[in-house]
Protein backbone atom coordinates (compact mmCIF):
# COMPACT_ATOMS: atom_id res chain seq x y z
CA UNK A 1 -17.86 -44.71 56.05
CA UNK A 2 -20.00 -45.74 53.09
CA UNK A 3 -19.53 -44.26 49.64
CA UNK A 4 -22.30 -43.18 47.31
CA UNK A 5 -22.27 -42.97 43.53
CA UNK A 6 -21.43 -45.27 40.63
CA UNK A 7 -18.60 -47.20 42.24
CA UNK A 8 -20.15 -47.45 45.70
CA UNK A 9 -19.99 -51.26 45.88
CA UNK A 10 -16.39 -51.67 44.65
CA UNK A 11 -13.40 -51.45 46.94
CA UNK A 12 -11.13 -48.39 46.44
CA UNK A 13 -8.06 -48.96 44.29
CA UNK A 14 -4.77 -47.46 45.40
CA UNK A 15 -2.11 -46.41 42.87
CA UNK A 16 1.24 -47.91 43.69
CA UNK A 17 4.62 -47.77 42.04
CA UNK A 18 4.36 -51.46 41.09
CA UNK A 19 1.12 -50.74 39.17
CA UNK A 20 2.86 -48.29 36.77
CA UNK A 21 4.52 -49.69 33.65
CA UNK A 22 7.84 -47.97 34.19
CA UNK A 23 9.48 -44.90 35.54
CA UNK A 24 7.63 -41.60 35.15
CA UNK A 25 8.67 -39.65 32.02
CA UNK A 26 10.61 -36.49 32.49
CA UNK A 27 8.66 -33.32 31.62
CA UNK A 28 11.01 -32.01 28.86
CA UNK A 29 11.80 -35.37 27.22
CA UNK A 30 8.73 -35.39 24.95
CA UNK A 31 9.37 -31.86 23.75
CA UNK A 32 13.00 -32.57 22.91
CA UNK A 33 12.08 -35.68 20.96
CA UNK A 34 9.41 -33.78 19.04
CA UNK A 35 11.82 -30.98 18.22
CA UNK A 36 14.45 -33.46 17.07
CA UNK A 37 11.95 -35.21 14.82
CA UNK A 38 10.73 -31.91 13.39
CA UNK A 39 14.32 -30.81 12.79
CA UNK A 40 15.17 -34.03 10.96
CA UNK A 41 12.06 -33.75 8.78
CA UNK A 42 12.91 -30.12 7.94
CA UNK A 43 16.49 -31.09 7.12
CA UNK A 44 15.25 -33.85 4.82
CA UNK A 45 12.90 -31.42 3.09
CA UNK A 46 15.67 -28.89 2.55
CA UNK A 47 17.93 -31.61 1.14
CA UNK A 48 15.19 -32.75 -1.21
CA UNK A 49 14.47 -29.18 -2.36
CA UNK A 50 18.13 -28.43 -3.02
CA UNK A 51 18.42 -31.51 -5.22
CA UNK A 52 15.25 -30.66 -7.17
CA UNK A 53 15.50 -29.00 -10.60
CA UNK A 54 11.94 -27.69 -10.23
CA UNK A 55 12.96 -25.86 -7.04
CA UNK A 56 15.75 -23.99 -8.86
CA UNK A 57 13.37 -23.11 -11.71
CA UNK A 58 10.90 -21.66 -9.25
CA UNK A 59 13.63 -19.71 -7.46
CA UNK A 60 14.84 -18.29 -10.78
CA UNK A 61 11.29 -17.37 -11.79
CA UNK A 62 10.68 -15.72 -8.43
CA UNK A 63 13.87 -13.68 -8.75
CA UNK A 64 12.90 -12.55 -12.27
CA UNK A 65 9.39 -11.58 -11.18
CA UNK A 66 10.61 -9.67 -8.12
CA UNK A 67 13.23 -7.76 -10.14
CA UNK A 68 10.62 -6.90 -12.77
CA UNK A 69 8.18 -5.67 -10.15
CA UNK A 70 10.96 -3.61 -8.58
CA UNK A 71 11.74 -2.01 -11.94
CA UNK A 72 8.08 -1.28 -12.62
CA UNK A 73 7.71 0.25 -9.17
CA UNK A 74 10.77 2.45 -9.70
CA UNK A 75 9.47 3.64 -13.09
CA UNK A 76 6.08 4.36 -11.56
CA UNK A 77 7.66 6.47 -8.81
CA UNK A 78 9.78 8.34 -11.38
CA UNK A 79 6.79 9.16 -13.60
CA UNK A 80 4.70 10.24 -10.60
CA UNK A 81 7.53 12.52 -9.46
CA UNK A 82 7.84 13.99 -12.95
CA UNK A 83 4.08 14.66 -13.11
CA UNK A 84 4.16 16.27 -9.68
CA UNK A 85 7.12 18.44 -10.66
CA UNK A 86 5.38 19.59 -13.87
CA UNK A 87 2.19 20.41 -11.96
CA UNK A 88 4.18 22.34 -9.37
CA UNK A 89 5.90 24.36 -12.11
CA UNK A 90 2.55 25.22 -13.76
CA UNK A 91 1.06 26.17 -10.40
CA UNK A 92 3.99 28.47 -9.59
CA UNK A 93 3.67 30.18 -13.00
CA UNK A 94 -0.07 30.61 -12.49
CA UNK A 95 0.48 32.18 -9.07
CA UNK A 96 3.19 34.50 -10.44
CA UNK A 97 0.89 35.68 -13.25
CA UNK A 98 -1.93 36.21 -10.78
CA UNK A 99 0.37 38.28 -8.55
CA UNK A 100 1.46 40.38 -11.55
CA UNK A 101 -2.17 41.02 -12.57
CA UNK A 102 -3.03 42.05 -9.01
CA UNK A 103 -0.01 44.36 -8.89
CA UNK A 104 -1.09 46.02 -12.15
CA UNK A 105 -4.65 46.37 -10.84
CA UNK A 106 -3.41 47.99 -7.64
CA UNK A 107 -1.11 50.30 -9.63
CA UNK A 108 -3.98 51.27 -11.96
CA UNK A 109 -6.29 51.91 -9.01
CA UNK A 110 -3.67 54.15 -7.41
CA UNK A 111 -3.29 56.17 -10.63
CA UNK A 112 -7.06 56.50 -10.91
CA UNK A 113 -7.27 57.70 -7.33
CA UNK A 114 -4.58 60.35 -7.98
CA UNK A 115 -6.27 61.58 -11.18
CA UNK A 116 -9.44 62.65 -9.36
CA UNK A 117 -13.10 62.07 -10.05
CA UNK A 118 -14.15 60.99 -13.52
CA UNK A 119 -16.39 63.29 -15.53
CA UNK A 120 -18.95 60.83 -16.91
CA UNK A 121 -20.30 63.31 -19.43
CA UNK A 122 -16.84 63.60 -21.01
CA UNK A 123 -16.49 59.82 -21.11
CA UNK A 124 -19.86 59.43 -22.81
CA UNK A 125 -18.99 62.11 -25.37
CA UNK A 126 -15.66 60.38 -26.10
CA UNK A 127 -17.38 57.03 -26.63
CA UNK A 128 -20.05 58.55 -28.83
CA UNK A 129 -17.41 60.40 -30.87
CA UNK A 130 -15.57 57.14 -31.67
CA UNK A 131 -18.63 55.74 -33.44
CA UNK A 132 -18.82 58.74 -35.90
CA UNK A 133 -15.42 58.25 -37.46
CA UNK A 134 -15.46 57.28 -41.15
């Protein structure tokens, strides 16, 4: 049977075990070697960092900054809570005063209803009489 394509004139090449350079690599061997290399590099980096004065300075600076930010955050929460508490107190007082005014208005309306109809002529005479006083 004749082949067509680029390699039509060349004889087919068979892959044999003697053609390979060595035994086939195991599937997990490359991953283990890579992990070992990465682990050794990381260990060397950690060793270098722990021996570095600059590393300790940065760690100390980071600790100072984080503690400062924590203190600022705590103060901010405390002041916000104090402002909220003061607002709540003012709001409660305002509502209590409003309730008292409404209670007095209802009480006054009830007394007016019990007293009967108002004689407007008498009211006008009383108002006019106040203006004549020396």
